[in-house]
Amino acid sequence: MRRLAVLLAILIAACAGPTEPTHTATGMWKGAVGPHALTLSLTMHPNRSVSGVGVDTTAGSVTQFPVRGTVSGSTVVLLFTPESVDSGFSGRFTDAGRIEGSLEFPGYSTTVALHRQ
């Protein structure tokens, strides 16, 4: 829960003093976390906020969840709730087609790369 609070603080700070995004988050993004395939369909709005839908796919299930967040400069912060658990992603554009960062679930943290499709 502490990590989620930190992500929310980053999100609020990014909204309070935004800089021009280096790239748009709009589009379809894919990444893998262990046996989970993540697909995010995102829309970046003129105020730099992000909204969209995510899909978590494993061999036995498919879970859809809402995504919200913000982009400031090259930083991307996303919050979502797959499987009824608050989660967050904080990363940076490495170029227009890749975002690298960390994915935080309660009690679990890992790095992930999201690739534009």
C-alpha atoms as a PDB file:
ATOM      1  CA  MET A   1       0.000   0.000   0.000  1.00  0.00           C
ATOM      2  CA  ARG A   2       2.937   2.316   0.691  1.00  0.00           C
ATOM      3  CA  ARG A   3       4.151   1.936  -2.887  1.00  0.00           C
ATOM      4  CA  LEU A   4       0.709   2.818  -4.205  1.00  0.00           C
ATOM      5  CA  ALA A   5       0.788   5.972  -2.060  1.00  0.00           C
ATOM      6  CA  VAL A   6       4.172   6.875  -3.562  1.00  0.00           C
ATOM      7  CA  LEU A   7       2.808   6.326  -7.076  1.00  0.00           C
ATOM      8  CA  LEU A   8      -0.183   8.537  -6.283  1.00  0.00           C
ATOM      9  CA  ALA A   9       2.180  11.236  -5.003  1.00  0.00           C
ATOM     10  CA  ILE A  10       4.163  11.047  -8.246  1.00  0.00           C
ATOM     11  CA  LEU A  11       0.928  11.252 -10.217  1.00  0.00           C
ATOM     12  CA  ILE A  12      -0.205  14.338  -8.298  1.00  0.00           C
ATOM     13  CA  ALA A  13       3.225  15.978  -8.638  1.00  0.00           C
ATOM     14  CA  ALA A  14       3.242  15.297 -12.359  1.00  0.00           C
ATOM     15  CA  CYS A  15      -0.186  16.894 -12.697  1.00  0.00           C
ATOM     16  CA  ALA A  16       0.846  19.927 -10.639  1.00  0.00           C
ATOM     17  CA  GLY A  17       3.891  20.814 -12.732  1.00  0.00           C
ATOM     18  CA  PRO A  18       3.640  19.069 -16.090  1.00  0.00           C
ATOM     19  CA  THR A  19       6.194  19.390 -18.818  1.00  0.00           C
ATOM     20  CA  GLU A  20       5.514  18.748 -22.466  1.00  0.00           C
ATOM     21  CA  PRO A  21       5.389  14.971 -23.107  1.00  0.00           C
ATOM     22  CA  THR A  22       8.277  13.622 -25.160  1.00  0.00           C
ATOM     23  CA  HIS A  23       5.948  11.078 -26.830  1.00  0.00           C
ATOM     24  CA  THR A  24       2.257  10.244 -26.842  1.00  0.00           C
ATOM     25  CA  ALA A  25       0.953   7.349 -24.774  1.00  0.00           C
ATOM     26  CA  THR A  26      -2.013   6.942 -27.131  1.00  0.00           C
ATOM     27  CA  GLY A  27      -2.092   3.493 -28.664  1.00  0.00           C
ATOM     28  CA  MET A  28      -1.896  -0.199 -27.919  1.00  0.00           C
ATOM     29  CA  TRP A  29       0.928  -1.349 -25.610  1.00  0.00           C
ATOM     30  CA  LYS A  30       1.994  -4.900 -24.738  1.00  0.00           C
ATOM     31  CA  GLY A  31       4.270  -6.374 -22.100  1.00  0.00           C
ATOM     32  CA  ALA A  32       4.806  -9.593 -20.161  1.00  0.00           C
ATOM     33  CA  VAL A  33       5.094 -10.219 -16.426  1.00  0.00           C
ATOM     34  CA  GLY A  34       5.874 -13.883 -15.780  1.00  0.00           C
ATOM     35  CA  PRO A  35       2.914 -15.881 -17.141  1.00  0.00           C
ATOM     36  CA  HIS A  36       0.819 -12.706 -17.555  1.00  0.00           C
ATOM     37  CA  ALA A  37       0.506 -10.984 -20.927  1.00  0.00           C
ATOM     38  CA  LEU A  38      -0.543  -7.358 -20.443  1.00  0.00           C
ATOM     39  CA  THR A  39      -2.233  -5.352 -23.176  1.00  0.00           C
ATOM     40  CA  LEU A  40      -3.048  -1.683 -22.561  1.00  0.00           C
ATOM     41  CA  SER A  41      -5.192   0.398 -24.900  1.00  0.00           C
ATOM     42  CA  LEU A  42      -4.443   3.999 -23.897  1.00  0.00           C
ATOM     43  CA  THR A  43      -5.612   7.473 -24.864  1.00  0.00           C
ATOM     44  CA  MET A  44      -3.586  10.525 -23.839  1.00  0.00           C
ATOM     45  CA  HIS A  45      -5.716  13.654 -23.481  1.00  0.00           C
ATOM     46  CA  PRO A  46      -4.650  17.304 -24.098  1.00  0.00           C
ATOM     47  CA  ASN A  47      -4.189  17.844 -20.330  1.00  0.00           C
ATOM     48  CA  ARG A  48      -1.620  14.972 -20.331  1.00  0.00           C
ATOM     49  CA  SER A  49      -3.930  12.615 -18.453  1.00  0.00           C
ATOM     50  CA  VAL A  50      -4.226   9.049 -19.689  1.00  0.00           C
ATOM     51  CA  SER A  51      -7.259   6.775 -19.686  1.00  0.00           C
ATOM     52  CA  GLY A  52      -7.862   3.382 -21.148  1.00  0.00           C
ATOM     53  CA  VAL A  53      -8.462  -0.294 -20.709  1.00  0.00           C
ATOM     54  CA  GLY A  54      -6.053  -3.068 -19.805  1.00  0.00           C
ATOM     55  CA  VAL A  55      -6.297  -6.806 -20.354  1.00  0.00           C
ATOM     56  CA  ASP A  56      -4.377  -9.352 -18.268  1.00  0.00           C
ATOM     57  CA  THR A  57      -4.194 -12.721 -20.046  1.00  0.00           C
ATOM     58  CA  THR A  58      -2.898 -15.991 -18.586  1.00  0.00           C
ATOM     59  CA  ALA A  59      -3.323 -19.581 -19.722  1.00  0.00           C
ATOM     60  CA  GLY A  60      -6.475 -19.887 -17.610  1.00  0.00           C
ATOM     61  CA  SER A  61      -8.087 -16.451 -17.589  1.00  0.00           C
ATOM     62  CA  VAL A  62      -8.592 -13.055 -19.179  1.00  0.00           C
ATOM     63  CA  THR A  63      -9.223 -10.038 -16.924  1.00  0.00           C
ATOM     64  CA  GLN A  64     -10.164  -6.565 -18.181  1.00  0.00           C
ATOM     65  CA  PHE A  65      -9.569  -3.461 -16.016  1.00  0.00           C
ATOM     66  CA  PRO A  66      -9.648   0.352 -16.294  1.00  0.00           C
ATOM     67  CA  VAL A  67      -6.377   2.309 -16.542  1.00  0.00           C
ATOM     68  CA  ARG A  68      -5.758   5.947 -15.611  1.00  0.00           C
ATOM     69  CA  GLY A  69      -2.622   8.009 -15.298  1.00  0.00           C
ATOM     70  CA  THR A  70      -0.529  10.877 -16.602  1.00  0.00           C
ATOM     71  CA  VAL A  71       2.487  11.692 -18.784  1.00  0.00           C
ATOM     72  CA  SER A  72       4.997  14.394 -17.888  1.00  0.00           C
ATOM     73  CA  GLY A  73       8.092  14.767 -20.052  1.00  0.00           C
ATOM     74  CA  SER A  74       9.287  11.203 -20.596  1.00  0.00           C
ATOM     75  CA  THR A  75       7.665   9.914 -17.379  1.00  0.00           C
ATOM     76  CA  VAL A  76       4.556   7.744 -17.532  1.00  0.00           C
ATOM     77  CA  VAL A  77       2.579   6.878 -14.380  1.00  0.00           C
ATOM     78  CA  LEU A  78      -0.395   4.491 -14.631  1.00  0.00           C
ATOM     79  CA  LEU A  79      -2.774   3.188 -11.964  1.00  0.00           C
ATOM     80  CA  PHE A  80      -5.083   0.214 -12.409  1.00  0.00           C
ATOM     81  CA  THR A  81      -6.883  -2.519 -10.501  1.00  0.00           C
ATOM     82  CA  PRO A  82      -6.576  -5.977 -12.065  1.00  0.00           C
ATOM     83  CA  GLU A  83      -7.971  -8.792  -9.914  1.00  0.00           C
ATOM     84  CA  SER A  84      -9.383  -6.215  -7.423  1.00  0.00           C
ATOM     85  CA  VAL A  85      -5.887  -5.159  -6.290  1.00  0.00           C
ATOM     86  CA  ASP A  86      -4.630  -1.572  -6.643  1.00  0.00           C
ATOM     87  CA  SER A  87      -1.523  -1.627  -8.814  1.00  0.00           C
ATOM     88  CA  GLY A  88       0.703   0.888 -10.484  1.00  0.00           C
ATOM     89  CA  PHE A  89       3.275   1.349 -13.186  1.00  0.00           C
ATOM     90  CA  SER A  90       5.917   4.058 -13.236  1.00  0.00           C
ATOM     91  CA  GLY A  91       8.237   4.258 -16.210  1.00  0.00           C
ATOM     92  CA  ARG A  92       9.915   6.304 -18.909  1.00  0.00           C
ATOM     93  CA  PHE A  93       9.747   6.417 -22.668  1.00  0.00           C
ATOM     94  CA  THR A  94      13.017   5.061 -24.053  1.00  0.00           C
ATOM     95  CA  ASP A  95      11.715   6.015 -27.497  1.00  0.00           C
ATOM     96  CA  ALA A  96       8.291   6.492 -29.132  1.00  0.00           C
ATOM     97  CA  GLY A  97       7.650   2.736 -29.146  1.00  0.00           C
ATOM     98  CA  ARG A  98       8.904   1.569 -25.746  1.00  0.00           C
ATOM     99  CA  ILE A  99       8.237   2.415 -22.104  1.00  0.00           C
ATOM    100  CA  GLU A 100      10.417   0.800 -19.419  1.00  0.00           C
ATOM    101  CA  GLY A 101       9.613   0.878 -15.732  1.00  0.00           C
ATOM    102  CA  SER A 102       8.440  -0.881 -12.628  1.00  0.00           C
ATOM    103  CA  LEU A 103       5.129  -2.558 -11.964  1.00  0.00           C
ATOM    104  CA  GLU A 104       3.971  -2.572  -8.356  1.00  0.00           C
ATOM    105  CA  PHE A 105       1.391  -4.916  -6.847  1.00  0.00           C
ATOM    106  CA  PRO A 106       0.911  -5.182  -3.072  1.00  0.00           C
ATOM    107  CA  GLY A 107       3.778  -7.372  -1.900  1.00  0.00           C
ATOM    108  CA  TYR A 108       5.285  -7.694  -5.388  1.00  0.00           C
ATOM    109  CA  SER A 109       7.442  -5.493  -7.580  1.00  0.00           C
ATOM    110  CA  THR A 110       9.028  -6.191 -10.956  1.00  0.00           C
ATOM    111  CA  THR A 111      10.367  -4.417 -14.001  1.00  0.00           C
ATOM    112  CA  VAL A 112       8.495  -4.497 -17.281  1.00  0.00           C
ATOM    113  CA  ALA A 113       8.908  -3.099 -20.790  1.00  0.00           C
ATOM    114  CA  LEU A 114       5.793  -2.050 -22.702  1.00  0.00           C
ATOM    115  CA  HIS A 115       6.048  -2.100 -26.500  1.00  0.00           C
ATOM    116  CA  ARG A 116       3.805  -0.111 -28.821  1.00  0.00           C
ATOM    117  CA  GLN A 117       1.850  -2.360 -31.176  1.00  0.00           C
END
